[in-house]
Amino acid sequence: MTEKITIIEGPTPEFREVNGLWVQGVSESPSQYDTYYTELRAFDGNALVDRCISTWHNNESIVLEYRTETGLTDEITIIAAHFEESPEGDLLQLWVRQPREDVEFEFKFDDGDDEEDYL
């Protein structure tokens, strides 16, 4: 079962695309992913970051579960987490990733019967 951090109340998270060399290193995979950043207010940001670290330590993944603007439940994989204390409450900073949907793969196979290959 996948670990989850669930947003119980509040607006839909605003995800901003992240680009940079460190992102490629953190999200290195044979699959193609887009990486995003979001900030959330949390009651105990330290405990949430500890849950992420514990899950990653066990070589498992953890997802952020939230409601979309249309009210449907969605989730996205968390790849990094940090929190900062503030007078208004803890600020949870999350870096998340999702598979690229616009990537198409085209495979071509050479059966070796083409005479031009031998000339």
PDB file of N, CA and C in Angstrom:
ATOM      1  N   MET A   1       0.842  -1.174   0.000  1.00  0.00           N
ATOM      2  CA  MET A   1       0.000   0.000   0.000  1.00  0.00           C
ATOM      3  C   MET A   1       0.893   1.246   0.000  1.00  0.00           C
ATOM      4  N   THR A   2       0.551   2.208  -0.823  1.00  0.00           N
ATOM      5  CA  THR A   2       1.316   3.438  -0.947  1.00  0.00           C
ATOM      6  C   THR A   2       1.011   4.372   0.218  1.00  0.00           C
ATOM      7  N   GLU A   3       2.055   4.947   0.803  1.00  0.00           N
ATOM      8  CA  GLU A   3       1.892   5.965   1.844  1.00  0.00           C
ATOM      9  C   GLU A   3       1.300   7.213   1.217  1.00  0.00           C
ATOM     10  N   LYS A   4       0.455   7.925   1.973  1.00  0.00           N
ATOM     11  CA  LYS A   4      -0.179   9.138   1.459  1.00  0.00           C
ATOM     12  C   LYS A   4      -0.134  10.254   2.476  1.00  0.00           C
ATOM     13  N   ILE A   5       0.025  11.443   1.966  1.00  0.00           N
ATOM     14  CA  ILE A   5      -0.238  12.660   2.725  1.00  0.00           C
ATOM     15  C   ILE A   5      -1.477  13.250   2.069  1.00  0.00           C
ATOM     16  N   THR A   6      -2.543  13.407   2.828  1.00  0.00           N
ATOM     17  CA  THR A   6      -3.822  13.846   2.275  1.00  0.00           C
ATOM     18  C   THR A   6      -4.133  15.269   2.719  1.00  0.00           C
ATOM     19  N   ILE A   7      -4.500  16.091   1.756  1.00  0.00           N
ATOM     20  CA  ILE A   7      -4.977  17.450   2.062  1.00  0.00           C
ATOM     21  C   ILE A   7      -6.450  17.329   2.400  1.00  0.00           C
ATOM     22  N   ILE A   8      -6.789  17.645   3.641  1.00  0.00           N
ATOM     23  CA  ILE A   8      -8.161  17.483   4.099  1.00  0.00           C
ATOM     24  C   ILE A   8      -9.007  18.704   3.766  1.00  0.00           C
ATOM     25  N   GLU A   9      -8.431  19.888   3.925  1.00  0.00           N
ATOM     26  CA  GLU A   9      -9.179  21.101   3.603  1.00  0.00           C
ATOM     27  C   GLU A   9      -8.239  22.126   2.999  1.00  0.00           C
ATOM     28  N   GLY A  10      -8.814  23.069   2.316  1.00  0.00           N
ATOM     29  CA  GLY A  10      -8.014  24.108   1.682  1.00  0.00           C
ATOM     30  C   GLY A  10      -8.129  24.036   0.172  1.00  0.00           C
ATOM     31  N   PRO A  11      -7.521  24.996  -0.486  1.00  0.00           N
ATOM     32  CA  PRO A  11      -7.614  25.047  -1.951  1.00  0.00           C
ATOM     33  C   PRO A  11      -6.777  23.954  -2.612  1.00  0.00           C
ATOM     34  N   THR A  12      -7.033  23.742  -3.879  1.00  0.00           N
ATOM     35  CA  THR A  12      -6.228  22.826  -4.682  1.00  0.00           C
ATOM     36  C   THR A  12      -4.799  23.359  -4.742  1.00  0.00           C
ATOM     37  N   PRO A  13      -3.806  22.490  -4.538  1.00  0.00           N
ATOM     38  CA  PRO A  13      -2.415  22.970  -4.598  1.00  0.00           C
ATOM     39  C   PRO A  13      -2.094  23.586  -5.953  1.00  0.00           C
ATOM     40  N   GLU A  14      -1.256  24.591  -5.918  1.00  0.00           N
ATOM     41  CA  GLU A  14      -0.785  25.217  -7.149  1.00  0.00           C
ATOM     42  C   GLU A  14       0.591  24.632  -7.457  1.00  0.00           C
ATOM     43  N   PHE A  15       0.704  23.906  -8.554  1.00  0.00           N
ATOM     44  CA  PHE A  15       1.955  23.255  -8.932  1.00  0.00           C
ATOM     45  C   PHE A  15       2.694  24.109  -9.957  1.00  0.00           C
ATOM     46  N   ARG A  16       3.959  24.411  -9.649  1.00  0.00           N
ATOM     47  CA  ARG A  16       4.801  25.175 -10.572  1.00  0.00           C
ATOM     48  C   ARG A  16       5.882  24.246 -11.106  1.00  0.00           C
ATOM     49  N   GLU A  17       6.082  24.272 -12.414  1.00  0.00           N
ATOM     50  CA  GLU A  17       7.079  23.392 -13.030  1.00  0.00           C
ATOM     51  C   GLU A  17       8.484  23.764 -12.569  1.00  0.00           C
ATOM     52  N   VAL A  18       9.298  22.755 -12.324  1.00  0.00           N
ATOM     53  CA  VAL A  18      10.664  22.934 -11.853  1.00  0.00           C
ATOM     54  C   VAL A  18      11.615  22.449 -12.936  1.00  0.00           C
ATOM     55  N   ASN A  19      12.607  23.267 -13.234  1.00  0.00           N
ATOM     56  CA  ASN A  19      13.657  22.880 -14.168  1.00  0.00           C
ATOM     57  C   ASN A  19      14.989  23.065 -13.473  1.00  0.00           C
ATOM     58  N   GLY A  20      15.933  22.247 -13.788  1.00  0.00           N
ATOM     59  CA  GLY A  20      17.251  22.385 -13.190  1.00  0.00           C
ATOM     60  C   GLY A  20      17.984  21.058 -13.201  1.00  0.00           C
ATOM     61  N   LEU A  21      19.269  21.145 -13.088  1.00  0.00           N
ATOM     62  CA  LEU A  21      20.100  19.953 -13.132  1.00  0.00           C
ATOM     63  C   LEU A  21      19.850  19.035 -11.949  1.00  0.00           C
ATOM     64  N   TRP A  22      19.646  19.589 -10.747  1.00  0.00           N
ATOM     65  CA  TRP A  22      19.441  18.740  -9.578  1.00  0.00           C
ATOM     66  C   TRP A  22      18.173  17.922  -9.710  1.00  0.00           C
ATOM     67  N   VAL A  23      17.155  18.464 -10.390  1.00  0.00           N
ATOM     68  CA  VAL A  23      15.894  17.747 -10.573  1.00  0.00           C
ATOM     69  C   VAL A  23      16.133  16.469 -11.376  1.00  0.00           C
ATOM     70  N   GLN A  24      16.975  16.554 -12.386  1.00  0.00           N
ATOM     71  CA  GLN A  24      17.273  15.373 -13.196  1.00  0.00           C
ATOM     72  C   GLN A  24      17.931  14.291 -12.352  1.00  0.00           C
ATOM     73  N   GLY A  25      18.794  14.689 -11.424  1.00  0.00           N
ATOM     74  CA  GLY A  25      19.467  13.718 -10.565  1.00  0.00           C
ATOM     75  C   GLY A  25      18.521  13.065  -9.572  1.00  0.00           C
ATOM     76  N   VAL A  26      17.612  13.855  -9.002  1.00  0.00           N
ATOM     77  CA  VAL A  26      16.674  13.324  -8.015  1.00  0.00           C
ATOM     78  C   VAL A  26      15.634  12.425  -8.665  1.00  0.00           C
ATOM     79  N   SER A  27      15.178  12.794  -9.826  1.00  0.00           N
ATOM     80  CA  SER A  27      14.094  12.043 -10.463  1.00  0.00           C
ATOM     81  C   SER A  27      14.589  11.128 -11.576  1.00  0.00           C
ATOM     82  N   GLU A  28      15.854  10.756 -11.530  1.00  0.00           N
ATOM     83  CA  GLU A  28      16.419   9.895 -12.562  1.00  0.00           C
ATOM     84  C   GLU A  28      15.655   8.573 -12.621  1.00  0.00           C
ATOM     85  N   SER A  29      15.254   8.216 -13.817  1.00  0.00           N
ATOM     86  CA  SER A  29      14.435   7.026 -14.013  1.00  0.00           C
ATOM     87  C   SER A  29      14.430   6.673 -15.492  1.00  0.00           C
ATOM     88  N   PRO A  30      14.131   5.422 -15.821  1.00  0.00           N
ATOM     89  CA  PRO A  30      14.005   5.078 -17.240  1.00  0.00           C
ATOM     90  C   PRO A  30      12.764   5.697 -17.886  1.00  0.00           C
ATOM     91  N   SER A  31      11.831   6.184 -17.077  1.00  0.00           N
ATOM     92  CA  SER A  31      10.620   6.829 -17.580  1.00  0.00           C
ATOM     93  C   SER A  31      10.820   8.335 -17.621  1.00  0.00           C
ATOM     94  N   GLN A  32       9.973   9.019 -18.352  1.00  0.00           N
ATOM     95  CA  GLN A  32      10.019  10.476 -18.463  1.00  0.00           C
ATOM     96  C   GLN A  32       9.022  11.086 -17.482  1.00  0.00           C
ATOM     97  N   TYR A  33       9.481  12.054 -16.689  1.00  0.00           N
ATOM     98  CA  TYR A  33       8.634  12.704 -15.698  1.00  0.00           C
ATOM     99  C   TYR A  33       8.732  14.211 -15.817  1.00  0.00           C
ATOM    100  N   ASP A  34       7.662  14.892 -15.415  1.00  0.00           N
ATOM    101  CA  ASP A  34       7.673  16.333 -15.211  1.00  0.00           C
ATOM    102  C   ASP A  34       7.720  16.554 -13.707  1.00  0.00           C
ATOM    103  N   THR A  35       8.528  17.517 -13.265  1.00  0.00           N
ATOM    104  CA  THR A  35       8.686  17.795 -11.845  1.00  0.00           C
ATOM    105  C   THR A  35       8.077  19.146 -11.519  1.00  0.00           C
ATOM    106  N   TYR A  36       7.368  19.205 -10.379  1.00  0.00           N
ATOM    107  CA  TYR A  36       6.678  20.420  -9.951  1.00  0.00           C
ATOM    108  C   TYR A  36       6.989  20.720  -8.488  1.00  0.00           C
ATOM    109  N   TYR A  37       6.733  21.963  -8.097  1.00  0.00           N
ATOM    110  CA  TYR A  37       6.931  22.425  -6.738  1.00  0.00           C
ATOM    111  C   TYR A  37       5.620  23.012  -6.235  1.00  0.00           C
ATOM    112  N   THR A  38       5.304  22.765  -4.964  1.00  0.00           N
ATOM    113  CA  THR A  38       4.128  23.372  -4.363  1.00  0.00           C
ATOM    114  C   THR A  38       4.395  23.649  -2.889  1.00  0.00           C
ATOM    115  N   GLU A  39       3.674  24.607  -2.337  1.00  0.00           N
ATOM    116  CA  GLU A  39       3.764  24.942  -0.913  1.00  0.00           C
ATOM    117  C   GLU A  39       2.391  24.780  -0.283  1.00  0.00           C
ATOM    118  N   LEU A  40       2.383  24.192   0.913  1.00  0.00           N
ATOM    119  CA  LEU A  40       1.135  23.957   1.637  1.00  0.00           C
ATOM    120  C   LEU A  40       1.293  24.372   3.088  1.00  0.00           C
ATOM    121  N   ARG A  41       0.236  24.827   3.700  1.00  0.00           N
ATOM    122  CA  ARG A  41       0.229  25.063   5.137  1.00  0.00           C
ATOM    123  C   ARG A  41      -0.066  23.725   5.812  1.00  0.00           C
ATOM    124  N   ALA A  42       0.634  23.457   6.913  1.00  0.00           N
ATOM    125  CA  ALA A  42       0.463  22.182   7.599  1.00  0.00           C
ATOM    126  C   ALA A  42       0.447  22.413   9.103  1.00  0.00           C
ATOM    127  N   PHE A  43      -0.227  21.545   9.818  1.00  0.00           N
ATOM    128  CA  PHE A  43      -0.267  21.624  11.267  1.00  0.00           C
ATOM    129  C   PHE A  43       1.079  21.226  11.868  1.00  0.00           C
ATOM    130  N   ASP A  44       1.673  20.142  11.386  1.00  0.00           N
ATOM    131  CA  ASP A  44       2.962  19.664  11.889  1.00  0.00           C
ATOM    132  C   ASP A  44       3.836  19.254  10.706  1.00  0.00           C
ATOM    133  N   GLY A  45       4.469  20.236  10.078  1.00  0.00           N
ATOM    134  CA  GLY A  45       5.290  19.983   8.894  1.00  0.00           C
ATOM    135  C   GLY A  45       6.449  19.045   9.168  1.00  0.00           C
ATOM    136  N   ASN A  46       7.026  19.125  10.359  1.00  0.00           N
ATOM    137  CA  ASN A  46       8.148  18.253  10.703  1.00  0.00           C
ATOM    138  C   ASN A  46       7.729  16.785  10.676  1.00  0.00           C
ATOM    139  N   ALA A  47       6.557  16.465  11.217  1.00  0.00           N
ATOM    140  CA  ALA A  47       6.073  15.082  11.220  1.00  0.00           C
ATOM    141  C   ALA A  47       5.811  14.591   9.796  1.00  0.00           C
ATOM    142  N   LEU A  48       5.306  15.465   8.934  1.00  0.00           N
ATOM    143  CA  LEU A  48       5.048  15.070   7.552  1.00  0.00           C
ATOM    144  C   LEU A  48       6.347  14.793   6.803  1.00  0.00           C
ATOM    145  N   VAL A  49       7.356  15.625   7.017  1.00  0.00           N
ATOM    146  CA  VAL A  49       8.660  15.394   6.389  1.00  0.00           C
ATOM    147  C   VAL A  49       9.259  14.098   6.925  1.00  0.00           C
ATOM    148  N   ASP A  50       9.129  13.840   8.233  1.00  0.00           N
ATOM    149  CA  ASP A  50       9.626  12.584   8.813  1.00  0.00           C
ATOM    150  C   ASP A  50       8.936  11.371   8.193  1.00  0.00           C
ATOM    151  N   ARG A  51       7.633  11.476   7.923  1.00  0.00           N
ATOM    152  CA  ARG A  51       6.920  10.373   7.249  1.00  0.00           C
ATOM    153  C   ARG A  51       7.493  10.124   5.864  1.00  0.00           C
ATOM    154  N   CYS A  52       7.802  11.191   5.134  1.00  0.00           N
ATOM    155  CA  CYS A  52       8.393  11.047   3.803  1.00  0.00           C
ATOM    156  C   CYS A  52       9.749  10.341   3.908  1.00  0.00           C
ATOM    157  N   ILE A  53      10.586  10.821   4.806  1.00  0.00           N
ATOM    158  CA  ILE A  53      11.929  10.254   4.947  1.00  0.00           C
ATOM    159  C   ILE A  53      11.855   8.784   5.335  1.00  0.00           C
ATOM    160  N   SER A  54      10.985   8.450   6.256  1.00  0.00           N
ATOM    161  CA  SER A  54      10.822   7.059   6.692  1.00  0.00           C
ATOM    162  C   SER A  54      10.377   6.173   5.530  1.00  0.00           C
ATOM    163  N   THR A  55       9.456   6.670   4.744  1.00  0.00           N
ATOM    164  CA  THR A  55       8.957   5.904   3.589  1.00  0.00           C
ATOM    165  C   THR A  55      10.060   5.703   2.556  1.00  0.00           C
ATOM    166  N   TRP A  56      10.806   6.759   2.254  1.00  0.00           N
ATOM    167  CA  TRP A  56      11.899   6.640   1.284  1.00  0.00           C
ATOM    168  C   TRP A  56      12.994   5.719   1.803  1.00  0.00           C
ATOM    169  N   HIS A  57      13.234   5.752   3.107  1.00  0.00           N
ATOM    170  CA  HIS A  57      14.255   4.887   3.713  1.00  0.00           C
ATOM    171  C   HIS A  57      13.911   3.405   3.487  1.00  0.00           C
ATOM    172  N   ASN A  58      12.610   3.098   3.409  1.00  0.00           N
ATOM    173  CA  ASN A  58      12.146   1.726   3.146  1.00  0.00           C
ATOM    174  C   ASN A  58      11.993   1.443   1.657  1.00  0.00           C
ATOM    175  N   ASN A  59      12.566   2.322   0.820  1.00  0.00           N
ATOM    176  CA  ASN A  59      12.507   2.182  -0.643  1.00  0.00           C
ATOM    177  C   ASN A  59      11.078   2.100  -1.167  1.00  0.00           C
ATOM    178  N   GLU A  60      10.212   2.894  -0.574  1.00  0.00           N
ATOM    179  CA  GLU A  60       8.826   2.971  -1.010  1.00  0.00           C
ATOM    180  C   GLU A  60       8.546   4.397  -1.459  1.00  0.00           C
ATOM    181  N   SER A  61       7.406   4.598  -2.096  1.00  0.00           N
ATOM    182  CA  SER A  61       7.046   5.944  -2.525  1.00  0.00           C
ATOM    183  C   SER A  61       5.911   6.482  -1.659  1.00  0.00           C
ATOM    184  N   ILE A  62       5.782   7.793  -1.672  1.00  0.00           N
ATOM    185  CA  ILE A  62       4.727   8.472  -0.927  1.00  0.00           C
ATOM    186  C   ILE A  62       4.087   9.485  -1.867  1.00  0.00           C
ATOM    187  N   VAL A  63       2.777   9.614  -1.785  1.00  0.00           N
ATOM    188  CA  VAL A  63       2.058  10.507  -2.686  1.00  0.00           C
ATOM    189  C   VAL A  63       1.306  11.572  -1.901  1.00  0.00           C
ATOM    190  N   LEU A  64       1.047  12.671  -2.587  1.00  0.00           N
ATOM    191  CA  LEU A  64       0.196  13.731  -2.068  1.00  0.00           C
ATOM    192  C   LEU A  64      -1.183  13.517  -2.668  1.00  0.00           C
ATOM    193  N   GLU A  65      -2.192  13.344  -1.807  1.00  0.00           N
ATOM    194  CA  GLU A  65      -3.568  13.176  -2.262  1.00  0.00           C
ATOM    195  C   GLU A  65      -4.299  14.498  -2.043  1.00  0.00           C
ATOM    196  N   TYR A  66      -4.973  14.979  -3.072  1.00  0.00           N
ATOM    197  CA  TYR A  66      -5.643  16.279  -3.001  1.00  0.00           C
ATOM    198  C   TYR A  66      -6.886  16.280  -3.883  1.00  0.00           C
ATOM    199  N   ARG A  67      -7.700  17.285  -3.698  1.00  0.00           N
ATOM    200  CA  ARG A  67      -8.890  17.460  -4.545  1.00  0.00           C
ATOM    201  C   ARG A  67      -8.561  18.450  -5.652  1.00  0.00           C
ATOM    202  N   THR A  68      -8.953  18.088  -6.873  1.00  0.00           N
ATOM    203  CA  THR A  68      -8.757  18.985  -8.001  1.00  0.00           C
ATOM    204  C   THR A  68      -9.790  20.109  -7.934  1.00  0.00           C
ATOM    205  N   GLU A  69      -9.660  21.067  -8.815  1.00  0.00           N
ATOM    206  CA  GLU A  69     -10.609  22.184  -8.845  1.00  0.00           C
ATOM    207  C   GLU A  69     -12.022  21.726  -9.178  1.00  0.00           C
ATOM    208  N   THR A  70     -12.149  20.560  -9.829  1.00  0.00           N
ATOM    209  CA  THR A  70     -13.470  20.020 -10.152  1.00  0.00           C
ATOM    210  C   THR A  70     -14.027  19.150  -9.033  1.00  0.00           C
ATOM    211  N   GLY A  71     -13.247  18.972  -7.948  1.00  0.00           N
ATOM    212  CA  GLY A  71     -13.719  18.202  -6.802  1.00  0.00           C
ATOM    213  C   GLY A  71     -13.327  16.736  -6.811  1.00  0.00           C
ATOM    214  N   LEU A  72     -12.631  16.293  -7.862  1.00  0.00           N
ATOM    215  CA  LEU A  72     -12.194  14.900  -7.931  1.00  0.00           C
ATOM    216  C   LEU A  72     -10.911  14.705  -7.127  1.00  0.00           C
ATOM    217  N   THR A  73     -10.708  13.502  -6.624  1.00  0.00           N
ATOM    218  CA  THR A  73      -9.490  13.191  -5.885  1.00  0.00           C
ATOM    219  C   THR A  73      -8.401  12.795  -6.866  1.00  0.00           C
ATOM    220  N   ASP A  74      -7.199  13.336  -6.656  1.00  0.00           N
ATOM    221  CA  ASP A  74      -6.048  13.011  -7.494  1.00  0.00           C
ATOM    222  C   ASP A  74      -4.849  12.839  -6.576  1.00  0.00           C
ATOM    223  N   GLU A  75      -3.789  12.255  -7.095  1.00  0.00           N
ATOM    224  CA  GLU A  75      -2.573  12.113  -6.307  1.00  0.00           C
ATOM    225  C   GLU A  75      -1.357  12.251  -7.209  1.00  0.00           C
ATOM    226  N   ILE A  76      -0.255  12.660  -6.579  1.00  0.00           N
ATOM    227  CA  ILE A  76       0.985  12.888  -7.303  1.00  0.00           C
ATOM    228  C   ILE A  76       2.134  12.456  -6.390  1.00  0.00           C
ATOM    229  N   THR A  77       3.176  11.863  -6.958  1.00  0.00           N
ATOM    230  CA  THR A  77       4.285  11.309  -6.195  1.00  0.00           C
ATOM    231  C   THR A  77       5.204  12.401  -5.659  1.00  0.00           C
ATOM    232  N   ILE A  78       5.524  12.318  -4.374  1.00  0.00           N
ATOM    233  CA  ILE A  78       6.429  13.270  -3.716  1.00  0.00           C
ATOM    234  C   ILE A  78       7.858  12.755  -3.860  1.00  0.00           C
ATOM    235  N   ILE A  79       8.782  13.618  -4.327  1.00  0.00           N
ATOM    236  CA  ILE A  79      10.184  13.205  -4.459  1.00  0.00           C
ATOM    237  C   ILE A  79      11.112  13.940  -3.500  1.00  0.00           C
ATOM    238  N   ALA A  80      10.646  15.041  -2.907  1.00  0.00           N
ATOM    239  CA  ALA A  80      11.448  15.777  -1.927  1.00  0.00           C
ATOM    240  C   ALA A  80      10.500  16.612  -1.074  1.00  0.00           C
ATOM    241  N   ALA A  81      10.893  16.830   0.196  1.00  0.00           N
ATOM    242  CA  ALA A  81      10.037  17.587   1.109  1.00  0.00           C
ATOM    243  C   ALA A  81      10.898  18.396   2.073  1.00  0.00           C
ATOM    244  N   HIS A  82      10.370  19.552   2.458  1.00  0.00           N
ATOM    245  CA  HIS A  82      11.040  20.438   3.419  1.00  0.00           C
ATOM    246  C   HIS A  82       9.954  21.245   4.111  1.00  0.00           C
ATOM    247  N   PHE A  83      10.204  21.627   5.370  1.00  0.00           N
ATOM    248  CA  PHE A  83       9.236  22.494   6.025  1.00  0.00           C
ATOM    249  C   PHE A  83       9.953  23.643   6.709  1.00  0.00           C
ATOM    250  N   GLU A  84       9.224  24.724   6.861  1.00  0.00           N
ATOM    251  CA  GLU A  84       9.709  25.896   7.583  1.00  0.00           C
ATOM    252  C   GLU A  84       8.627  26.327   8.563  1.00  0.00           C
ATOM    253  N   GLU A  85       9.041  26.678   9.763  1.00  0.00           N
ATOM    254  CA  GLU A  85       8.102  27.186  10.754  1.00  0.00           C
ATOM    255  C   GLU A  85       7.835  28.661  10.477  1.00  0.00           C
ATOM    256  N   SER A  86       6.589  29.063  10.683  1.00  0.00           N
ATOM    257  CA  SER A  86       6.233  30.478  10.540  1.00  0.00           C
ATOM    258  C   SER A  86       5.138  30.796  11.549  1.00  0.00           C
ATOM    259  N   PRO A  87       4.906  32.059  11.827  1.00  0.00           N
ATOM    260  CA  PRO A  87       3.852  32.434  12.783  1.00  0.00           C
ATOM    261  C   PRO A  87       2.451  31.964  12.347  1.00  0.00           C
ATOM    262  N   GLU A  88       2.228  31.833  11.038  1.00  0.00           N
ATOM    263  CA  GLU A  88       0.923  31.400  10.534  1.00  0.00           C
ATOM    264  C   GLU A  88       0.776  29.890  10.539  1.00  0.00           C
ATOM    265  N   GLY A  89       1.815  29.146  10.883  1.00  0.00           N
ATOM    266  CA  GLY A  89       1.794  27.684  10.837  1.00  0.00           C
ATOM    267  C   GLY A  89       2.933  27.195   9.969  1.00  0.00           C
ATOM    268  N   ASP A  90       3.155  25.896   9.999  1.00  0.00           N
ATOM    269  CA  ASP A  90       4.251  25.321   9.219  1.00  0.00           C
ATOM    270  C   ASP A  90       3.969  25.427   7.725  1.00  0.00           C
ATOM    271  N   LEU A  91       5.003  25.722   6.972  1.00  0.00           N
ATOM    272  CA  LEU A  91       4.927  25.775   5.520  1.00  0.00           C
ATOM    273  C   LEU A  91       5.625  24.525   4.989  1.00  0.00           C
ATOM    274  N   LEU A  92       4.871  23.649   4.374  1.00  0.00           N
ATOM    275  CA  LEU A  92       5.400  22.415   3.817  1.00  0.00           C
ATOM    276  C   LEU A  92       5.713  22.642   2.344  1.00  0.00           C
ATOM    277  N   GLN A  93       6.961  22.430   1.972  1.00  0.00           N
ATOM    278  CA  GLN A  93       7.397  22.594   0.589  1.00  0.00           C
ATOM    279  C   GLN A  93       7.603  21.203   0.001  1.00  0.00           C
ATOM    280  N   LEU A  94       6.939  20.928  -1.112  1.00  0.00           N
ATOM    281  CA  LEU A  94       7.012  19.613  -1.735  1.00  0.00           C
ATOM    282  C   LEU A  94       7.438  19.730  -3.189  1.00  0.00           C
ATOM    283  N   TRP A  95       8.297  18.821  -3.592  1.00  0.00           N
ATOM    284  CA  TRP A  95       8.649  18.638  -4.989  1.00  0.00           C
ATOM    285  C   TRP A  95       8.032  17.320  -5.392  1.00  0.00           C
ATOM    286  N   VAL A  96       7.270  17.339  -6.456  1.00  0.00           N
ATOM    287  CA  VAL A  96       6.497  16.171  -6.873  1.00  0.00           C
ATOM    288  C   VAL A  96       6.765  15.884  -8.348  1.00  0.00           C
ATOM    289  N   ARG A  97       6.403  14.680  -8.762  1.00  0.00           N
ATOM    290  CA  ARG A  97       6.588  14.341 -10.179  1.00  0.00           C
ATOM    291  C   ARG A  97       5.413  13.515 -10.666  1.00  0.00           C
ATOM    292  N   GLN A  98       5.185  13.629 -11.967  1.00  0.00           N
ATOM    293  CA  GLN A  98       4.174  12.805 -12.611  1.00  0.00           C
ATOM    294  C   GLN A  98       4.686  12.406 -13.987  1.00  0.00           C
ATOM    295  N   PRO A  99       4.260  11.245 -14.471  1.00  0.00           N
ATOM    296  CA  PRO A  99       4.725  10.798 -15.789  1.00  0.00           C
ATOM    297  C   PRO A  99       4.323  11.791 -16.873  1.00  0.00           C
ATOM    298  N   ARG A 100       5.218  11.970 -17.825  1.00  0.00           N
ATOM    299  CA  ARG A 100       4.893  12.833 -18.968  1.00  0.00           C
ATOM    300  C   ARG A 100       3.859  12.139 -19.830  1.00  0.00           C
ATOM    301  N   GLU A 101       2.854  12.892 -20.200  1.00  0.00           N
ATOM    302  CA  GLU A 101       1.801  12.335 -21.038  1.00  0.00           C
ATOM    303  C   GLU A 101       2.036  12.620 -22.512  1.00  0.00           C
ATOM    304  N   ASP A 102       2.892  13.597 -22.801  1.00  0.00           N
ATOM    305  CA  ASP A 102       3.107  13.989 -24.191  1.00  0.00           C
ATOM    306  C   ASP A 102       4.283  13.267 -24.839  1.00  0.00           C
ATOM    307  N   VAL A 103       4.882  12.303 -24.168  1.00  0.00           N
ATOM    308  CA  VAL A 103       6.028  11.590 -24.718  1.00  0.00           C
ATOM    309  C   VAL A 103       5.529  10.398 -25.524  1.00  0.00           C
ATOM    310  N   GLU A 104       5.971  10.336 -26.750  1.00  0.00           N
ATOM    311  CA  GLU A 104       5.632   9.208 -27.604  1.00  0.00           C
ATOM    312  C   GLU A 104       6.910   8.493 -27.998  1.00  0.00           C
ATOM    313  N   PHE A 105       6.855   7.183 -27.977  1.00  0.00           N
ATOM    314  CA  PHE A 105       8.001   6.380 -28.361  1.00  0.00           C
ATOM    315  C   PHE A 105       7.709   5.714 -29.695  1.00  0.00           C
ATOM    316  N   GLU A 106       8.698   5.728 -30.559  1.00  0.00           N
ATOM    317  CA  GLU A 106       8.566   5.072 -31.849  1.00  0.00           C
ATOM    318  C   GLU A 106       9.718   4.088 -31.977  1.00  0.00           C
ATOM    319  N   PHE A 107       9.363   2.842 -32.206  1.00  0.00           N
ATOM    320  CA  PHE A 107      10.369   1.804 -32.335  1.00  0.00           C
ATOM    321  C   PHE A 107      10.442   1.353 -33.783  1.00  0.00           C
ATOM    322  N   LYS A 108      11.646   1.255 -34.305  1.00  0.00           N
ATOM    323  CA  LYS A 108      11.856   0.763 -35.659  1.00  0.00           C
ATOM    324  C   LYS A 108      12.785  -0.433 -35.576  1.00  0.00           C
ATOM    325  N   PHE A 109      12.422  -1.461 -36.281  1.00  0.00           N
ATOM    326  CA  PHE A 109      13.234  -2.660 -36.290  1.00  0.00           C
ATOM    327  C   PHE A 109      13.728  -2.918 -37.699  1.00  0.00           C
ATOM    328  N   ASP A 110      14.966  -3.288 -37.811  1.00  0.00           N
ATOM    329  CA  ASP A 110      15.566  -3.615 -39.096  1.00  0.00           C
ATOM    330  C   ASP A 110      15.615  -5.128 -39.200  1.00  0.00           C
ATOM    331  N   ASP A 111      14.911  -5.658 -40.202  1.00  0.00           N
ATOM    332  CA  ASP A 111      14.899  -7.110 -40.339  1.00  0.00           C
ATOM    333  C   ASP A 111      16.133  -7.638 -41.068  1.00  0.00           C
ATOM    334  N   GLY A 112      16.978  -6.743 -41.561  1.00  0.00           N
ATOM    335  CA  GLY A 112      18.246  -7.144 -42.177  1.00  0.00           C
ATOM    336  C   GLY A 112      18.119  -7.669 -43.597  1.00  0.00           C
ATOM    337  N   ASP A 113      16.945  -7.580 -44.220  1.00  0.00           N
ATOM    338  CA  ASP A 113      16.759  -8.095 -45.577  1.00  0.00           C
ATOM    339  C   ASP A 113      17.000  -7.051 -46.653  1.00  0.00           C
ATOM    340  N   ASP A 114      17.273  -5.827 -46.274  1.00  0.00           N
ATOM    341  CA  ASP A 114      17.464  -4.757 -47.236  1.00  0.00           C
ATOM    342  C   ASP A 114      18.878  -4.836 -47.819  1.00  0.00           C
ATOM    343  N   GLU A 115      18.973  -4.967 -49.167  1.00  0.00           N
ATOM    344  CA  GLU A 115      20.274  -5.126 -49.815  1.00  0.00           C
ATOM    345  C   GLU A 115      21.142  -3.877 -49.678  1.00  0.00           C
ATOM    346  N   GLU A 116      20.529  -2.690 -49.548  1.00  0.00           N
ATOM    347  CA  GLU A 116      21.282  -1.455 -49.434  1.00  0.00           C
ATOM    348  C   GLU A 116      22.151  -1.434 -48.192  1.00  0.00           C
ATOM    349  N   ASP A 117      21.789  -2.180 -47.170  1.00  0.00           N
ATOM    350  CA  ASP A 117      22.581  -2.218 -45.944  1.00  0.00           C
ATOM    351  C   ASP A 117      23.937  -2.865 -46.172  1.00  0.00           C
ATOM    352  N   TYR A 118      24.049  -3.692 -47.221  1.00  0.00           N
ATOM    353  CA  TYR A 118      25.288  -4.436 -47.443  1.00  0.00           C
ATOM    354  C   TYR A 118      26.208  -3.769 -48.461  1.00  0.00           C
ATOM    355  N   LEU A 119      25.792  -2.688 -49.087  1.00  0.00           N
ATOM    356  CA  LEU A 119      26.616  -2.041 -50.109  1.00  0.00           C
ATOM    357  C   LEU A 119      27.538  -1.019 -49.550  1.00  0.00           C
TER     358      LEU A 119
END
